[in-house]
N, C-alpha and C. Protein backbone atom coordinates (compact mmCIF):
# COMPACT_ATOMS: atom_id res chain seq x y z
N MET A 1 209.99 100.35 111.94
CA MET A 1 208.93 101.05 111.27
C MET A 1 208.59 102.30 112.07
N ALA A 2 208.36 103.41 111.39
CA ALA A 2 208.07 104.69 112.05
C ALA A 2 206.62 104.73 112.55
N ASN A 3 206.46 105.43 113.63
CA ASN A 3 205.10 105.62 114.15
C ASN A 3 204.35 106.61 113.26
N ILE A 4 203.14 106.23 112.86
CA ILE A 4 202.32 107.10 112.01
C ILE A 4 201.20 107.66 112.86
N ILE A 5 201.04 108.97 112.82
CA ILE A 5 199.99 109.62 113.58
C ILE A 5 198.90 110.06 112.61
N TYR A 6 197.70 109.58 112.87
CA TYR A 6 196.55 109.95 112.04
C TYR A 6 195.73 111.02 112.77
N HIS A 7 195.45 112.09 112.06
CA HIS A 7 194.64 113.17 112.62
C HIS A 7 193.18 112.93 112.25
N ILE A 8 192.33 113.02 113.23
CA ILE A 8 190.90 112.81 113.01
C ILE A 8 190.25 114.14 112.68
N ASN A 9 189.52 114.18 111.56
CA ASN A 9 188.79 115.38 111.17
C ASN A 9 187.41 115.33 111.83
N LYS A 10 187.20 116.17 112.82
CA LYS A 10 185.91 116.17 113.52
C LYS A 10 184.94 117.18 112.93
N GLY A 11 185.25 117.75 111.79
CA GLY A 11 184.37 118.74 111.17
C GLY A 11 183.55 118.18 110.04
N ILE A 12 183.41 116.87 109.97
CA ILE A 12 182.65 116.26 108.89
C ILE A 12 181.17 116.50 109.12
N ASN A 13 180.46 116.83 108.06
CA ASN A 13 179.02 117.09 108.06
C ASN A 13 178.62 118.26 108.94
N THR A 14 179.50 119.21 109.15
CA THR A 14 179.12 120.43 109.84
C THR A 14 179.12 121.57 108.84
N SER A 15 178.35 122.58 109.14
CA SER A 15 178.25 123.70 108.20
C SER A 15 179.52 124.55 108.26
N ILE A 16 179.75 125.27 107.19
CA ILE A 16 180.91 126.16 107.11
C ILE A 16 180.66 127.34 108.03
N GLU A 17 181.68 127.75 108.74
CA GLU A 17 181.55 128.91 109.63
C GLU A 17 182.80 129.76 109.48
N PHE A 18 182.60 131.07 109.34
CA PHE A 18 183.72 132.00 109.19
C PHE A 18 183.47 133.19 110.09
N LYS A 19 184.23 133.32 111.15
CA LYS A 19 184.14 134.42 112.10
C LYS A 19 182.71 134.64 112.61
N GLY A 20 182.02 133.57 112.88
CA GLY A 20 180.67 133.66 113.43
C GLY A 20 179.56 133.59 112.40
N LEU A 21 179.88 133.78 111.12
CA LEU A 21 178.86 133.67 110.07
C LEU A 21 178.69 132.20 109.71
N LYS A 22 177.46 131.76 109.57
CA LYS A 22 177.19 130.36 109.28
C LYS A 22 176.65 130.20 107.87
N ALA A 23 177.09 129.17 107.18
CA ALA A 23 176.54 128.65 105.93
C ALA A 23 176.34 129.73 104.87
N GLN A 24 175.10 129.98 104.46
CA GLN A 24 174.82 130.84 103.31
C GLN A 24 175.05 132.31 103.61
N TYR A 25 175.15 132.70 104.88
CA TYR A 25 175.34 134.11 105.20
C TYR A 25 176.71 134.60 104.77
N ILE A 26 177.67 133.72 104.62
CA ILE A 26 178.98 134.09 104.08
C ILE A 26 178.82 134.57 102.65
N TRP A 27 177.99 133.84 101.88
CA TRP A 27 177.76 134.23 100.48
C TRP A 27 176.97 135.53 100.41
N TYR A 28 176.01 135.72 101.31
CA TYR A 28 175.24 136.97 101.32
C TYR A 28 176.15 138.16 101.58
N LEU A 29 177.07 138.01 102.52
CA LEU A 29 177.99 139.10 102.83
C LEU A 29 178.92 139.37 101.65
N GLY A 30 179.42 138.32 101.01
CA GLY A 30 180.29 138.51 99.84
C GLY A 30 179.55 139.20 98.70
N GLY A 31 178.32 138.78 98.44
CA GLY A 31 177.53 139.43 97.39
C GLY A 31 177.23 140.87 97.71
N GLY A 32 176.95 141.16 98.98
CA GLY A 32 176.70 142.54 99.38
C GLY A 32 177.92 143.42 99.21
N ILE A 33 179.08 142.88 99.49
CA ILE A 33 180.32 143.65 99.33
C ILE A 33 180.58 143.94 97.85
N VAL A 34 180.30 142.97 96.99
CA VAL A 34 180.46 143.19 95.55
C VAL A 34 179.51 144.29 95.08
N VAL A 35 178.27 144.26 95.55
CA VAL A 35 177.29 145.30 95.18
C VAL A 35 177.75 146.67 95.68
N LEU A 36 178.33 146.72 96.88
CA LEU A 36 178.83 147.99 97.40
C LEU A 36 180.02 148.51 96.61
N MET A 37 180.87 147.62 96.10
CA MET A 37 181.98 148.06 95.25
C MET A 37 181.47 148.65 93.94
N VAL A 38 180.43 148.03 93.37
CA VAL A 38 179.83 148.56 92.15
C VAL A 38 179.18 149.91 92.43
N LEU A 39 178.51 150.04 93.59
CA LEU A 39 177.91 151.31 93.98
C LEU A 39 178.96 152.40 94.13
N PHE A 40 180.10 152.06 94.75
CA PHE A 40 181.18 153.03 94.89
C PHE A 40 181.69 153.50 93.53
N SER A 41 181.91 152.55 92.62
CA SER A 41 182.42 152.94 91.31
C SER A 41 181.39 153.78 90.55
N ALA A 42 180.10 153.46 90.68
CA ALA A 42 179.07 154.25 90.00
C ALA A 42 179.02 155.67 90.56
N LEU A 43 179.09 155.80 91.88
CA LEU A 43 179.08 157.14 92.49
C LEU A 43 180.31 157.94 92.09
N TYR A 44 181.45 157.26 92.00
CA TYR A 44 182.69 157.95 91.63
C TYR A 44 182.66 158.41 90.18
N PHE A 45 182.10 157.56 89.29
CA PHE A 45 182.03 157.94 87.87
C PHE A 45 181.01 159.04 87.63
N ILE A 46 180.00 159.15 88.48
CA ILE A 46 179.02 160.23 88.34
C ILE A 46 179.68 161.57 88.62
N GLY A 47 180.66 161.59 89.51
CA GLY A 47 181.37 162.82 89.81
C GLY A 47 181.29 163.23 91.26
N ILE A 48 180.76 162.39 92.10
CA ILE A 48 180.69 162.68 93.53
C ILE A 48 182.10 162.56 94.11
N PRO A 49 182.50 163.47 94.98
CA PRO A 49 183.85 163.39 95.56
C PRO A 49 184.09 162.05 96.26
N SER A 50 185.35 161.63 96.22
CA SER A 50 185.69 160.29 96.70
C SER A 50 185.43 160.12 98.20
N LEU A 51 185.64 161.16 99.01
CA LEU A 51 185.38 161.04 100.44
C LEU A 51 183.89 160.85 100.72
N VAL A 52 183.04 161.50 99.94
CA VAL A 52 181.60 161.32 100.11
C VAL A 52 181.22 159.89 99.70
N CYS A 53 181.82 159.40 98.61
CA CYS A 53 181.57 158.02 98.18
C CYS A 53 181.99 157.03 99.25
N VAL A 54 183.14 157.25 99.85
CA VAL A 54 183.63 156.37 100.90
C VAL A 54 182.69 156.42 102.11
N GLY A 55 182.21 157.60 102.45
CA GLY A 55 181.28 157.73 103.57
C GLY A 55 179.97 157.00 103.33
N ILE A 56 179.40 157.16 102.12
CA ILE A 56 178.14 156.49 101.79
C ILE A 56 178.31 154.98 101.80
N VAL A 57 179.35 154.51 101.11
CA VAL A 57 179.58 153.07 101.02
C VAL A 57 179.99 152.49 102.37
N GLY A 58 180.75 153.24 103.15
CA GLY A 58 181.14 152.77 104.48
C GLY A 58 179.94 152.61 105.41
N ALA A 59 179.03 153.58 105.37
CA ALA A 59 177.82 153.48 106.19
C ALA A 59 176.96 152.30 105.74
N ALA A 60 176.82 152.14 104.43
CA ALA A 60 176.03 151.01 103.91
C ALA A 60 176.70 149.67 104.25
N ALA A 61 178.03 149.64 104.21
CA ALA A 61 178.75 148.40 104.52
C ALA A 61 178.59 148.03 105.99
N SER A 62 178.68 149.02 106.87
CA SER A 62 178.51 148.71 108.30
C SER A 62 177.09 148.24 108.58
N GLY A 63 176.10 148.84 107.94
CA GLY A 63 174.72 148.37 108.09
C GLY A 63 174.55 146.96 107.56
N LEU A 64 175.19 146.67 106.43
CA LEU A 64 175.12 145.33 105.83
C LEU A 64 175.72 144.29 106.77
N VAL A 65 176.88 144.57 107.32
CA VAL A 65 177.55 143.61 108.20
C VAL A 65 176.72 143.36 109.45
N VAL A 66 176.18 144.43 110.04
CA VAL A 66 175.37 144.28 111.24
C VAL A 66 174.12 143.45 110.94
N LYS A 67 173.46 143.72 109.82
CA LYS A 67 172.24 143.00 109.45
C LYS A 67 172.53 141.52 109.17
N ILE A 68 173.61 141.23 108.45
CA ILE A 68 173.95 139.84 108.12
C ILE A 68 174.30 139.06 109.39
N TYR A 69 175.07 139.67 110.29
CA TYR A 69 175.40 138.98 111.54
C TYR A 69 174.15 138.77 112.40
N ALA A 70 173.23 139.74 112.40
CA ALA A 70 172.00 139.58 113.16
C ALA A 70 171.15 138.44 112.59
N MET A 71 171.07 138.35 111.27
CA MET A 71 170.31 137.26 110.64
C MET A 71 170.97 135.92 110.92
N SER A 72 172.30 135.88 110.89
CA SER A 72 173.01 134.63 111.15
C SER A 72 172.77 134.16 112.58
N ASN A 73 172.77 135.09 113.53
CA ASN A 73 172.54 134.71 114.92
C ASN A 73 171.08 134.36 115.18
N LYS A 74 170.15 135.04 114.52
CA LYS A 74 168.73 134.81 114.76
C LYS A 74 168.24 133.51 114.13
N TYR A 75 168.59 133.29 112.87
CA TYR A 75 168.03 132.17 112.13
C TYR A 75 168.93 130.94 112.11
N GLY A 76 170.22 131.10 112.22
CA GLY A 76 171.11 129.95 112.18
C GLY A 76 171.33 129.45 110.76
N GLU A 77 171.69 128.18 110.66
CA GLU A 77 172.09 127.62 109.36
C GLU A 77 170.94 127.51 108.38
N HIS A 78 169.82 126.94 108.81
CA HIS A 78 168.69 126.71 107.90
C HIS A 78 167.45 127.52 108.27
N GLY A 79 167.51 128.31 109.32
CA GLY A 79 166.32 128.99 109.82
C GLY A 79 165.73 130.01 108.88
N LEU A 80 166.56 130.70 108.09
CA LEU A 80 166.04 131.72 107.18
C LEU A 80 165.18 131.08 106.10
N MET A 81 165.61 129.95 105.57
CA MET A 81 164.82 129.25 104.55
C MET A 81 163.51 128.75 105.15
N LYS A 82 163.55 128.30 106.41
CA LYS A 82 162.33 127.84 107.06
C LYS A 82 161.37 129.01 107.30
N ALA A 83 161.89 130.16 107.67
CA ALA A 83 161.03 131.32 107.90
C ALA A 83 160.37 131.79 106.60
N ILE A 84 161.12 131.76 105.50
CA ILE A 84 160.55 132.14 104.20
C ILE A 84 159.49 131.14 103.78
N ALA A 85 159.74 129.85 103.99
CA ALA A 85 158.77 128.82 103.63
C ALA A 85 157.51 128.94 104.49
N ARG A 86 157.66 129.27 105.75
CA ARG A 86 156.51 129.41 106.66
C ARG A 86 155.61 130.55 106.22
N LYS A 87 156.18 131.62 105.67
CA LYS A 87 155.37 132.75 105.21
C LYS A 87 154.59 132.41 103.95
N GLN A 88 155.02 131.42 103.18
CA GLN A 88 154.36 131.07 101.93
C GLN A 88 153.21 130.09 102.12
N VAL A 89 153.07 129.50 103.29
CA VAL A 89 151.98 128.56 103.55
C VAL A 89 150.72 129.37 103.88
N PRO A 90 149.60 129.07 103.22
CA PRO A 90 148.39 129.84 103.51
C PRO A 90 147.84 129.52 104.91
N LYS A 91 147.19 130.49 105.51
CA LYS A 91 146.63 130.30 106.85
C LYS A 91 145.39 129.43 106.80
N ALA A 92 144.63 129.50 105.72
CA ALA A 92 143.41 128.69 105.59
C ALA A 92 143.17 128.40 104.11
N VAL A 93 142.54 127.26 103.84
CA VAL A 93 142.15 126.89 102.49
C VAL A 93 140.63 126.96 102.43
N ARG A 94 140.10 127.78 101.55
CA ARG A 94 138.65 127.95 101.46
C ARG A 94 138.14 127.34 100.17
N CYS A 95 136.99 126.71 100.29
CA CYS A 95 136.34 126.12 99.14
C CYS A 95 134.87 126.54 99.19
N ASN A 96 134.43 127.30 98.21
CA ASN A 96 133.06 127.80 98.19
C ASN A 96 132.13 126.93 97.37
N SER A 97 132.61 125.84 96.84
CA SER A 97 131.79 125.00 95.99
C SER A 97 132.00 123.54 96.38
N ARG A 98 130.97 122.71 96.10
CA ARG A 98 131.07 121.27 96.36
C ARG A 98 131.60 120.52 95.15
N LYS A 99 131.85 121.19 94.07
CA LYS A 99 132.27 120.53 92.83
C LYS A 99 133.60 119.79 93.01
N VAL A 100 134.40 120.24 93.90
CA VAL A 100 135.69 119.60 94.14
C VAL A 100 135.48 118.19 94.67
N PHE A 101 134.45 117.99 95.47
CA PHE A 101 134.24 116.71 96.13
C PHE A 101 133.31 115.77 95.35
N LEU A 102 132.65 116.26 94.32
CA LEU A 102 131.74 115.43 93.53
C LEU A 102 132.51 114.68 92.47
N VAL A 103 132.15 113.44 92.23
CA VAL A 103 132.80 112.64 91.20
C VAL A 103 132.16 113.02 89.87
N VAL A 104 132.98 113.41 88.93
CA VAL A 104 132.48 113.84 87.63
C VAL A 104 132.87 112.78 86.62
N GLY A 105 132.12 111.74 86.50
CA GLY A 105 132.41 110.70 85.53
C GLY A 105 132.65 109.37 86.24
N THR A 106 132.75 108.36 85.47
CA THR A 106 133.00 107.03 86.02
C THR A 106 134.40 106.61 85.63
N TYR A 107 135.15 106.16 86.61
CA TYR A 107 136.54 105.78 86.38
C TYR A 107 136.74 104.28 86.37
N GLY A 108 135.71 103.49 86.71
CA GLY A 108 135.91 102.06 86.85
C GLY A 108 135.51 101.25 85.64
N LYS A 109 135.22 101.82 84.52
CA LYS A 109 134.75 101.06 83.36
C LYS A 109 135.83 100.30 82.68
């Protein structure tokens, strides 16, 4: 009988990573590149020279890549969603009336 070698997959339950980008930031970069391609085609159809279009889109693309990598390093896999959720929580809950705490009716009948 031949010896069978089983390879163990140690990447189970880990987030996807591509060249340093983690999880959802890969999709953000892909979506940004699609938007930049649409921007290039719109600028080209307007009549702007192609080298100017390449310069504008190239500068925007380099800014996009730098920003996405910075967000990926700063927030990590789930940190961006946590930061957005933290901003939506109110700092204080104010109640100017006692009506909230008063029982309005009888519920035990």
